Amino acid sequence: MSRQSDIAFWSKRSRGVAAALLLGAATGAGGAAWALSAPAPAAPISVVPTNPQPGFSQLVNRVKPAVVEITTLSVGDADSDADSQSQLQKMPTLPEPFRDMLPHDFRGQGGNPSAERRALGSGFIIDPAGYIVTNNHVVDGAHTVSVTLTDGMKYRAKVIGRDSKTDLALLKINAGHILPYVAFGNSDNAHEGDWVLAVGNPYGLGGTVTAGIISAHGRNINEGPYDDFLQIDAPINPGNSGGPLFNQTGQVVGIDTAIYSPSGGSVGIGFAIPSNVAKSIVSQLRDHGMVARGWLGVQMQPLTPSLAKAVGLPNDQGVLVDSVTDDSPAARAQLRQGDVITAYDGKPIHNTRDLAMAVAETPSGKSAAMTIWRDSHSRPVNVIIGTQEAKTRVSAASDGTAVKPVGMALEPLTPDMRNQYGIASNVGGALVGNVTSGGNAEDSGVQAGDVIERVGGQAVHSPDEVANAIHAAERQNKQAVSLLVMRDGVPSYLGLKLQA
């Protein structure tokens, strides 16, 4: 057959096929001619799989009742609009060129940024009495925290304690009955490639379940001094913050915290705090309301290859001591500026994070064996680890600076306190050491770690000045007095309720 014949043949055939298809489409919509001329369709096949595809439904049914939605209210200045904005608690994302690590809220269009704001996050119950774990950035700055269970019941939550350095917080609700709960697992046994489930409240869509694998361990995303994140590809989004990451046995191996995203949504790179980091933090928050970390008392920097050659080391594994704090554990162990710490408590030190985490996890009073490099020689050094918080903490109740009527205790801003809480030298005032449960200070949104800079518009510089200003307002029979507080480097006003 010639080429022109071939073309004619296929052209005719194509028109025939097209006509058949069009006819089928037309008569399929109700035409009888095609139905009468076509053979009767076969009955649908009912497929009953003998080996169903394995999934996570049974695991989800077990763990989902222990996952909660968290709603927070934060207040701007006193002149804000009465109507609140509904916002989603955004997960921190990685630094520029995408986004910074700060937990900004999603803002409504046309709303007043100083109005009362509502934010949403996630959490999970770890004790049938109502203890709940979440991220610090979910509740930071909130004066009201509420928890909604999977059965729809909503409860007011109390913040038991917060730790900004690991971005963890512990809440408590009183439900009046035993609650479903989940347990921490061993994140060291969570291997790359293992399946994990994330359950949470992304974009306010409560009870959302996503699955993925662990992509990597030990990620440092410059969130804080103790970064040691699990990287996961299970989709997590704003609102997942504080939610649990489960292994296949239903144990919590991580707390969903941050995402890497150019758009604000999931691109398959998320980060979770390992459960082995969270366990000790949550335990301390429950017992003491704060975290006491081991303290060495050195400023350090990474050991670069050029610095290693300069001090005569064959490799760049270790940290260089920049300075030693006076009267610190390091000073008492006779560490010097220029020493290189190469091992701590029997484990090699590769970088500054290794040393920071190792010291932080060491109980106060324990003797730790270190190896240092000095004068081209390696030598052992024993150091008794201290606790910076215990060393610098001053009881306001013992020196008469407690403000008992409103339920908070104050401490002076010493240099050590500034270093401990990251308070700038130009910030004045008094530090809130602790807040009494159920007191006016707690109800007004005051939190431990706040720095009170002004009371009723008057600048204050010490616990005594704060106490005197509050007592003066009470004597004037004021129902409330304004406080200018600095919290995590951000100033804001609170209205402190006063007793009659």
Protein backbone atom coordinates (compact mmCIF):
# COMPACT_ATOMS: atom_id res chain seq x y z
CA MET A 1 0.00 0.00 0.00
CA SER A 2 1.35 3.42 -0.95
CA ARG A 3 2.11 6.15 1.60
CA GLN A 4 -0.90 8.17 0.37
CA SER A 5 -3.08 5.06 0.74
CA ASP A 6 -1.76 4.57 4.27
CA ILE A 7 -2.69 8.13 5.14
CA ALA A 8 -6.17 7.74 3.64
CA PHE A 9 -6.68 4.44 5.48
CA TRP A 10 -5.72 5.85 8.88
CA SER A 11 -7.72 9.01 8.24
CA LYS A 12 -10.83 6.98 7.57
CA ARG A 13 -10.15 4.77 10.55
CA SER A 14 -9.59 7.76 12.83
CA ARG A 15 -12.89 9.27 11.75
CA GLY A 16 -14.58 5.96 12.47
CA VAL A 17 -13.09 5.67 15.93
CA ALA A 18 -13.98 9.28 16.70
CA ALA A 19 -17.53 8.70 15.54
CA ALA A 20 -17.82 5.63 17.75
CA LEU A 21 -16.53 7.52 20.74
CA LEU A 22 -18.86 10.43 20.17
CA LEU A 23 -21.76 8.07 19.71
CA GLY A 24 -20.90 6.29 22.91
CA ALA A 25 -20.74 9.59 24.78
CA ALA A 26 -24.04 10.79 23.36
CA THR A 27 -26.05 7.62 23.83
CA GLY A 28 -24.44 7.00 27.21
CA ALA A 29 -26.22 10.12 28.38
CA GLY A 30 -29.57 8.59 27.61
CA GLY A 31 -29.66 7.40 23.96
CA ALA A 32 -31.34 4.04 23.44
CA ALA A 33 -29.90 3.02 20.06
CA TRP A 34 -26.41 2.32 21.32
CA ALA A 35 -27.69 0.53 24.41
CA LEU A 36 -29.83 -1.79 22.25
CA SER A 37 -27.03 -2.57 19.81
CA ALA A 38 -24.24 -2.98 22.39
CA PRO A 39 -23.78 -6.14 24.47
CA ALA A 40 -25.03 -5.98 28.04
CA PRO A 41 -22.30 -4.83 30.42
CA ALA A 42 -20.86 -7.39 32.77
CA ALA A 43 -21.76 -7.20 36.48
CA PRO A 44 -19.24 -5.27 38.59
CA ILE A 45 -16.63 -7.43 40.22
CA SER A 46 -16.69 -7.42 44.03
CA VAL A 47 -13.09 -7.59 45.23
CA VAL A 48 -12.54 -8.85 48.76
CA PRO A 49 -8.81 -8.65 49.51
CA THR A 50 -7.50 -11.58 51.46
CA ASN A 51 -4.50 -9.52 52.70
CA PRO A 52 -5.66 -5.92 53.34
CA GLN A 53 -3.13 -3.16 52.81
CA PRO A 54 -1.52 -2.40 56.17
CA GLY A 55 -2.22 1.11 57.46
CA PHE A 56 -2.20 3.20 60.61
CA SER A 57 -5.91 3.27 61.49
CA GLN A 58 -5.61 1.12 64.62
CA LEU A 59 -2.66 3.18 65.86
CA VAL A 60 -4.50 6.45 65.18
CA ASN A 61 -7.58 5.23 67.07
CA ARG A 62 -5.39 4.52 70.11
CA VAL A 63 -3.41 7.74 70.26
CA LYS A 64 -5.71 10.40 68.80
CA PRO A 65 -7.85 10.90 71.97
CA ALA A 66 -4.74 12.15 73.81
CA VAL A 67 -4.00 14.89 71.24
CA VAL A 68 -5.54 18.30 72.01
CA GLU A 69 -6.14 21.66 70.37
CA ILE A 70 -4.70 24.69 72.18
CA THR A 71 -6.21 28.16 71.87
CA THR A 72 -4.43 31.20 73.28
CA LEU A 73 -5.45 34.83 73.73
CA SER A 74 -2.89 37.60 73.83
CA VAL A 75 -3.55 41.29 74.34
CA GLY A 76 -2.01 44.32 72.63
CA ASP A 77 -2.16 47.81 74.07
CA ALA A 78 -5.08 49.01 76.15
CA ASP A 79 -6.73 50.92 73.29
CA SER A 80 -7.14 47.87 71.07
CA ASP A 81 -10.47 47.03 69.48
CA ALA A 82 -12.89 44.86 71.38
CA ASP A 83 -13.29 42.40 68.51
CA SER A 84 -10.53 39.80 68.50
CA GLN A 85 -8.76 38.51 65.43
CA SER A 86 -8.77 34.81 64.76
CA GLN A 87 -5.27 33.69 63.96
CA LEU A 88 -3.30 30.51 63.55
CA GLN A 89 -0.22 29.84 65.62
CA LYS A 90 2.48 29.67 62.97
CA MET A 91 5.29 27.20 63.28
CA PRO A 92 8.76 28.73 63.24
CA THR A 93 10.45 28.41 59.88
CA LEU A 94 14.08 28.54 58.89
CA PRO A 95 15.98 31.81 58.46
CA GLU A 96 16.19 33.99 55.36
CA PRO A 97 16.11 33.76 52.42
CA PHE A 98 12.86 32.07 53.38
CA ARG A 99 11.57 33.12 56.83
CA ASP A 100 13.01 33.77 60.25
CA MET A 101 12.65 31.51 63.27
CA LEU A 102 10.39 33.84 65.25
CA PRO A 103 6.84 32.60 65.80
CA HIS A 104 4.81 35.39 64.18
CA ASP A 105 1.03 34.89 64.01
CA PHE A 106 -0.94 34.96 60.78
CA ARG A 107 -2.69 38.35 60.80
CA GLY A 108 -6.22 38.92 59.52
CA GLN A 109 -6.74 41.29 56.63
CA GLY A 110 -7.61 44.81 57.73
CA GLY A 111 -7.50 43.94 61.44
CA ASN A 112 -6.01 46.02 64.22
CA PRO A 113 -2.60 44.44 65.03
CA SER A 114 -2.87 45.71 68.61
CA ALA A 115 -6.25 44.05 69.26
CA GLU A 116 -6.72 40.91 71.29
CA ARG A 117 -5.48 38.02 69.18
CA ARG A 118 -6.42 34.37 69.14
CA ALA A 119 -3.88 31.75 68.13
CA LEU A 120 -4.13 27.99 67.67
CA GLY A 121 -1.64 25.20 68.32
CA SER A 122 -1.45 21.56 69.36
CA GLY A 123 -0.45 19.50 72.38
CA PHE A 124 -0.75 16.06 73.94
CA ILE A 125 -1.71 14.65 77.33
CA ILE A 126 1.09 12.81 79.13
CA ASP A 127 -0.71 12.12 82.42
CA PRO A 128 -4.34 11.13 83.14
CA ALA A 129 -4.45 13.96 85.71
CA GLY A 130 -4.36 16.47 82.83
CA TYR A 131 -0.71 17.44 82.22
CA ILE A 132 -0.19 18.54 78.62
CA VAL A 133 3.02 19.12 76.63
CA THR A 134 3.27 21.74 73.89
CA ASN A 135 5.73 24.25 72.43
CA ASN A 136 6.74 27.35 74.37
CA HIS A 137 6.03 29.51 71.33
CA VAL A 138 2.41 28.31 71.33
CA VAL A 139 1.69 29.84 74.77
CA ASP A 140 4.35 32.55 74.93
CA GLY A 141 2.78 35.95 75.56
CA ALA A 142 -0.71 34.55 76.15
CA HIS A 143 -2.85 35.68 79.07
CA THR A 144 -5.43 32.93 78.50
CA VAL A 145 -4.80 29.36 77.39
CA SER A 146 -7.62 26.92 76.60
CA VAL A 147 -7.52 23.25 75.69
CA THR A 148 -10.11 21.40 73.60
CA LEU A 149 -10.23 17.61 73.76
CA THR A 150 -11.27 15.30 70.93
CA ASP A 151 -14.74 14.92 72.53
CA GLY A 152 -15.27 18.67 72.13
CA MET A 153 -14.94 19.54 75.82
CA LYS A 154 -13.00 22.76 76.45
CA TYR A 155 -11.01 23.63 79.59
CA ARG A 156 -9.01 26.59 80.87
CA ALA A 157 -5.34 25.59 81.17
CA LYS A 158 -2.67 26.72 83.59
CA VAL A 159 0.91 27.14 82.39
CA ILE A 160 2.98 25.07 84.83
CA GLY A 161 6.31 26.07 83.31
CA ARG A 162 8.05 27.14 80.11
CA ASP A 163 11.55 26.69 78.72
CA SER A 164 12.37 29.01 75.83
CA LYS A 165 15.76 27.42 75.20
CA THR A 166 14.21 24.12 74.11
CA ASP A 167 10.82 25.63 73.11
CA LEU A 168 8.84 23.40 75.50
CA ALA A 169 5.97 24.18 77.84
CA LEU A 170 3.87 22.17 80.29
CA LEU A 171 0.17 22.90 80.87
CA LYS A 172 -2.40 21.51 83.32
CA ILE A 173 -6.18 21.20 83.04
CA ASN A 174 -8.69 19.95 85.61
CA ALA A 175 -11.21 17.85 83.72
CA GLY A 176 -12.67 16.15 86.81
CA HIS A 177 -12.05 12.69 85.41
CA ILE A 178 -9.23 10.48 84.16
CA LEU A 179 -8.01 11.52 80.71
CA PRO A 180 -6.50 9.45 77.88
CA TYR A 181 -2.76 9.93 77.64
CA VAL A 182 0.32 8.85 75.73
CA ALA A 183 3.88 8.13 76.82
CA PHE A 184 7.30 9.24 75.66
CA GLY A 185 9.39 6.73 73.76
CA ASN A 186 13.13 6.52 73.20
CA SER A 187 14.01 8.86 70.34
CA ASP A 188 17.49 7.32 70.15
CA ASN A 189 15.78 4.20 68.80
CA ALA A 190 14.03 6.20 66.07
CA HIS A 191 16.12 5.50 62.99
CA GLU A 192 16.28 7.26 59.66
CA GLY A 193 13.68 5.67 57.41
CA ASP A 194 11.33 4.65 60.25
CA TRP A 195 7.66 5.49 59.84
CA VAL A 196 6.24 8.26 62.05
CA LEU A 197 2.80 9.86 62.45
CA ALA A 198 2.13 13.52 63.19
CA VAL A 199 -1.21 14.36 64.80
CA GLY A 200 -2.29 17.94 65.41
CA ASN A 201 -4.29 21.03 64.55
CA PRO A 202 -2.86 22.46 61.29
CA TYR A 203 -4.61 25.65 60.15
CA GLY A 204 -7.26 25.01 62.81
CA LEU A 205 -8.25 21.66 61.27
CA GLY A 206 -8.19 19.65 64.48
CA GLY A 207 -7.46 15.95 64.62
CA THR A 208 -5.40 15.87 61.43
CA VAL A 209 -3.11 12.87 60.89
CA THR A 210 -0.15 12.76 58.49
CA ALA A 211 2.48 10.08 57.94
CA GLY A 212 6.09 10.08 56.82
CA ILE A 213 9.55 8.94 57.80
CA ILE A 214 12.42 10.23 59.88
CA SER A 215 14.75 11.92 57.42
CA ALA A 216 17.71 12.81 59.66
CA HIS A 217 18.95 13.22 63.24
CA GLY A 218 20.75 15.98 65.09
CA ARG A 219 19.65 18.92 62.99
CA ASN A 220 20.80 22.35 64.19
CA ILE A 221 18.43 25.02 62.84
CA ASN A 222 19.73 27.89 65.01
CA GLU A 223 16.57 27.84 67.12
CA GLY A 224 18.47 27.78 70.41
CA PRO A 225 21.63 26.63 72.19
CA TYR A 226 20.39 23.05 72.56
CA ASP A 227 19.21 22.30 69.02
CA ASP A 228 19.11 18.56 68.32
CA PHE A 229 16.07 18.16 66.08
CA LEU A 230 14.69 15.16 64.26
CA GLN A 231 14.05 15.99 60.61
CA ILE A 232 10.85 14.45 59.25
CA ASP A 233 8.97 14.43 55.95
CA ALA A 234 5.52 13.88 57.48
CA PRO A 235 3.62 17.04 56.45
CA ILE A 236 3.28 19.52 59.33
CA ASN A 237 1.98 23.07 59.01
CA PRO A 238 1.18 26.15 61.11
CA GLY A 239 -1.02 24.92 63.95
CA ASN A 240 0.86 21.61 64.27
CA SER A 241 3.23 23.31 66.73
CA GLY A 242 3.41 21.33 69.97
CA GLY A 243 1.77 18.25 68.51
CA PRO A 244 3.16 14.74 69.02
CA LEU A 245 5.19 12.67 66.59
CA PHE A 246 4.41 8.97 67.11
CA ASN A 247 6.38 5.86 66.25
CA GLN A 248 4.61 2.71 65.09
CA THR A 249 4.07 1.50 68.66
CA GLY A 250 2.19 4.66 69.64
CA GLN A 251 4.95 6.26 71.69
CA VAL A 252 5.86 9.93 71.34
CA VAL A 253 9.34 10.23 69.86
CA GLY A 254 9.17 13.95 69.03
CA ILE A 255 7.31 17.24 69.42
CA ASP A 256 6.56 18.96 66.10
CA THR A 257 8.11 22.42 66.24
CA ALA A 258 9.40 23.96 63.01
CA ILE A 259 9.25 23.73 59.24
CA TYR A 260 11.51 24.68 56.36
CA SER A 261 9.27 26.48 53.91
CA PRO A 262 9.47 29.24 51.30
CA SER A 263 5.67 29.55 51.28
CA GLY A 264 4.62 29.06 54.89
CA GLY A 265 3.21 25.59 54.20
CA SER A 266 4.73 22.13 54.25
CA VAL A 267 7.32 21.23 51.63
CA GLY A 268 8.22 17.95 53.30
CA ILE A 269 10.95 19.26 55.63
CA GLY A 270 9.87 19.49 59.25
CA PHE A 271 11.63 19.40 62.60
CA ALA A 272 10.66 17.81 65.90
CA ILE A 273 12.21 18.01 69.37
CA PRO A 274 13.42 14.49 70.27
CA SER A 275 11.57 12.85 73.15
CA ASN A 276 14.84 12.17 74.96
CA VAL A 277 15.45 15.93 75.10
CA ALA A 278 11.86 16.64 76.17
CA LYS A 279 11.64 14.04 78.96
CA SER A 280 13.98 15.72 81.44
CA ILE A 281 12.72 19.22 80.58
CA VAL A 282 9.08 18.25 81.12
CA SER A 283 9.97 16.47 84.36
CA GLN A 284 11.70 19.58 85.73
CA LEU A 285 8.87 21.85 84.63
CA ARG A 286 6.40 19.61 86.43
CA ASP A 287 8.41 19.40 89.64
CA HIS A 288 9.83 22.93 89.82
CA GLY A 289 8.12 25.07 87.18
CA MET A 290 11.52 25.87 85.70
CA VAL A 291 14.60 24.15 84.28
CA ALA A 292 17.89 23.98 86.18
CA ARG A 293 20.74 23.21 83.83
CA GLY A 294 24.30 22.29 84.57
CA TRP A 295 26.65 25.26 84.47
CA LEU A 296 30.35 25.28 83.59
CA GLY A 297 31.02 29.01 83.30
CA VAL A 298 32.92 29.44 80.03
CA GLN A 299 32.43 31.37 76.83
CA MET A 300 33.49 29.22 73.90
CA GLN A 301 33.87 29.22 70.13
CA PRO A 302 34.27 26.53 67.47
CA LEU A 303 37.74 25.24 66.76
CA THR A 304 38.47 25.98 63.09
CA PRO A 305 41.19 24.13 61.15
CA SER A 306 43.42 27.21 61.30
CA LEU A 307 42.96 27.57 65.06
CA ALA A 308 43.66 23.86 65.51
CA LYS A 309 46.96 24.27 63.68
CA ALA A 310 47.76 27.36 65.73
CA VAL A 311 47.41 25.48 69.04
CA GLY A 312 49.13 22.34 67.72
CA LEU A 313 46.13 19.99 67.52
CA PRO A 314 46.12 17.37 64.75
CA ASN A 315 42.38 17.95 64.04
CA ASP A 316 39.67 20.55 64.65
CA GLN A 317 37.51 18.48 67.03
CA GLY A 318 36.92 20.44 70.23
CA VAL A 319 35.92 23.90 71.45
CA LEU A 320 38.15 26.84 72.27
CA VAL A 321 37.64 28.60 75.62
CA ASP A 322 37.23 32.34 74.99
CA SER A 323 36.82 33.35 78.63
CA VAL A 324 36.20 31.89 82.07
CA THR A 325 33.59 33.38 84.40
CA ASP A 326 34.89 34.40 87.81
CA ASP A 327 33.95 32.10 90.71
CA SER A 328 32.48 29.55 88.30
CA PRO A 329 32.97 25.76 88.22
CA ALA A 330 35.42 26.25 85.33
CA ALA A 331 37.39 28.84 87.31
CA ARG A 332 37.59 26.56 90.35
CA ALA A 333 38.83 23.76 88.06
CA GLN A 334 41.52 26.20 86.84
CA LEU A 335 40.43 26.27 83.21
CA ARG A 336 42.07 29.09 81.27
CA GLN A 337 41.39 31.25 78.29
CA GLY A 338 42.87 29.50 75.23
CA ASP A 339 42.28 25.95 76.53
CA VAL A 340 40.67 23.54 74.08
CA ILE A 341 38.10 21.14 75.55
CA THR A 342 38.30 17.91 73.56
CA ALA A 343 36.31 15.48 75.74
CA TYR A 344 33.66 15.70 78.47
CA ASP A 345 32.55 12.90 80.77
CA GLY A 346 34.21 10.31 78.56
CA LYS A 347 32.67 11.52 75.29
CA PRO A 348 34.49 13.40 72.52
CA ILE A 349 33.52 17.04 71.98
CA HIS A 350 33.25 17.93 68.30
CA ASN A 351 31.63 21.36 68.50
CA THR A 352 30.12 23.94 70.86
CA ARG A 353 26.70 22.30 70.78
CA ASP A 354 28.15 19.00 71.99
CA LEU A 355 29.63 20.70 75.07
CA ALA A 356 26.59 22.89 75.76
CA MET A 357 24.20 19.93 75.73
CA ALA A 358 26.51 17.68 77.73
CA VAL A 359 26.97 20.27 80.48
CA ALA A 360 23.27 21.17 80.53
CA GLU A 361 22.33 17.54 81.11
CA THR A 362 24.80 17.11 83.98
CA PRO A 363 23.22 17.33 87.46
CA SER A 364 24.49 20.06 89.74
CA GLY A 365 27.19 18.85 92.11
CA LYS A 366 28.38 16.03 89.88
CA SER A 367 32.08 15.73 89.10
CA ALA A 368 32.72 15.56 85.37
CA ALA A 369 36.01 14.45 83.84
CA MET A 370 37.18 16.63 80.98
CA THR A 371 40.13 16.43 78.64
CA ILE A 372 41.72 19.70 77.62
CA TRP A 373 44.53 20.67 75.28
CA ARG A 374 46.96 23.22 76.71
CA ASP A 375 50.52 24.13 75.78
CA SER A 376 50.63 21.42 73.08
CA HIS A 377 49.73 18.70 75.59
CA SER A 378 46.55 16.83 76.48
CA ARG A 379 45.68 16.73 80.19
CA PRO A 380 42.72 15.60 82.37
CA VAL A 381 40.69 18.06 84.44
CA ASN A 382 37.90 17.32 86.90
CA VAL A 383 35.18 19.92 87.36
CA ILE A 384 32.26 20.06 89.81
CA ILE A 385 29.31 21.20 87.73
CA GLY A 386 27.15 23.94 89.21
CA THR A 387 23.64 25.20 88.51
CA GLN A 388 23.50 28.74 87.29
CA GLU A 389 19.87 29.17 88.28
CA ALA A 390 20.46 27.98 91.83
CA LYS A 391 23.58 30.08 92.17
CA THR A 392 21.97 33.32 91.05
CA ARG A 393 18.39 32.83 92.21
CA VAL A 394 17.44 35.07 95.13
CA SER A 395 14.32 34.40 97.16
CA ALA A 396 12.22 37.54 97.18
CA ALA A 397 10.24 36.23 100.11
CA SER A 398 13.33 36.19 102.31
CA ASP A 399 14.38 39.77 101.66
CA GLY A 400 10.98 41.38 101.89
CA THR A 401 10.54 42.09 98.19
CA ALA A 402 7.69 39.65 97.63
CA VAL A 403 4.52 41.32 96.41
CA LYS A 404 2.19 39.01 98.29
CA PRO A 405 -1.16 40.72 97.61
CA VAL A 406 -0.95 40.10 93.87
CA GLY A 407 0.84 36.76 94.01
CA MET A 408 4.30 37.17 92.56
CA ALA A 409 7.87 37.29 93.83
CA LEU A 410 10.56 39.58 92.43
CA GLU A 411 14.31 39.34 92.02
CA PRO A 412 17.01 41.92 91.23
CA LEU A 413 18.53 42.08 87.75
CA THR A 414 22.06 40.96 88.55
CA PRO A 415 24.63 40.41 85.78
CA ASP A 416 24.21 36.67 86.17
CA MET A 417 20.45 36.99 85.88
CA ARG A 418 20.84 39.02 82.70
CA ASN A 419 23.12 36.36 81.27
CA GLN A 420 20.82 33.54 82.34
CA TYR A 421 17.64 35.02 80.86
CA GLY A 422 19.28 36.86 77.94
CA ILE A 423 18.28 40.32 79.23
CA ALA A 424 20.04 43.24 77.55
CA SER A 425 22.14 45.59 79.66
CA ASN A 426 19.95 48.57 78.76
CA VAL A 427 16.82 46.92 80.19
CA GLY A 428 16.06 48.01 83.76
CA GLY A 429 13.53 46.86 86.31
CA ALA A 430 12.94 43.71 88.36
CA LEU A 431 12.66 40.06 87.35
CA VAL A 432 9.54 38.05 88.16
CA GLY A 433 10.95 35.00 89.94
CA ASN A 434 7.71 33.07 90.35
CA VAL A 435 3.95 33.57 90.14
CA THR A 436 1.48 32.16 92.66
CA SER A 437 -1.14 29.84 91.20
CA GLY A 438 -4.57 31.45 91.21
CA GLY A 439 -3.24 34.88 92.18
CA ASN A 440 -4.04 38.19 90.53
CA ALA A 441 -0.64 38.26 88.79
CA GLU A 442 -1.28 34.95 87.08
CA ASP A 443 -4.82 35.98 86.10
CA SER A 444 -3.39 39.21 84.66
CA GLY A 445 -0.94 37.37 82.41
CA VAL A 446 2.28 37.89 84.39
CA GLN A 447 4.75 35.04 83.92
CA ALA A 448 7.97 33.95 85.61
CA GLY A 449 10.89 35.40 83.67
CA ASP A 450 9.13 38.67 82.84
CA VAL A 451 11.04 41.89 83.54
CA ILE A 452 8.85 44.67 84.97
CA GLU A 453 10.18 48.00 83.68
CA ARG A 454 7.34 50.38 84.59
CA VAL A 455 4.45 50.37 87.06
CA GLY A 456 1.64 52.82 86.36
CA GLY A 457 3.87 54.70 83.94
CA GLN A 458 6.64 55.08 86.52
CA ALA A 459 10.07 53.61 85.75
CA VAL A 460 11.25 51.08 88.34
CA HIS A 461 14.76 49.78 88.92
CA SER A 462 14.52 47.22 91.73
CA PRO A 463 12.11 44.78 93.39
CA ASP A 464 11.52 47.28 96.19
CA GLU A 465 10.48 49.98 93.72
CA VAL A 466 8.07 47.61 91.98
CA ALA A 467 6.57 46.54 95.30
CA ASN A 468 6.24 50.12 96.55
CA ALA A 469 4.54 51.27 93.34
CA ILE A 470 2.04 48.42 93.45
CA HIS A 471 1.29 48.96 97.13
CA ALA A 472 0.81 52.69 96.44
CA ALA A 473 -1.79 51.86 93.79
CA GLU A 474 -3.53 49.56 96.27
CA ARG A 475 -3.65 52.31 98.89
CA GLN A 476 -5.31 54.54 96.31
CA ASN A 477 -8.00 51.83 95.95
CA LYS A 478 -7.22 51.31 92.25
CA GLN A 479 -8.70 48.20 90.70
CA ALA A 480 -5.72 47.71 88.38
CA VAL A 481 -2.35 49.20 87.53
CA SER A 482 -0.48 49.06 84.22
CA LEU A 483 2.79 47.13 83.96
CA LEU A 484 5.31 47.50 81.14
CA VAL A 485 7.01 44.12 80.93
CA MET A 486 9.83 42.80 78.75
CA ARG A 487 9.31 39.18 77.73
CA ASP A 488 11.80 37.41 75.47
CA GLY A 489 13.03 40.79 74.27
CA VAL A 490 9.56 42.12 73.39
CA PRO A 491 7.97 44.91 75.50
CA SER A 492 4.22 44.87 76.16
CA TYR A 493 1.70 46.26 78.64
CA LEU A 494 -0.33 44.22 81.10
CA GLY A 495 -3.15 45.37 83.35
CA LEU A 496 -2.35 44.00 86.83
CA LYS A 497 -5.48 43.35 88.90
CA LEU A 498 -5.30 44.60 92.48
CA GLN A 499 -7.09 43.39 95.59
CA ALA A 500 -9.40 45.79 97.37
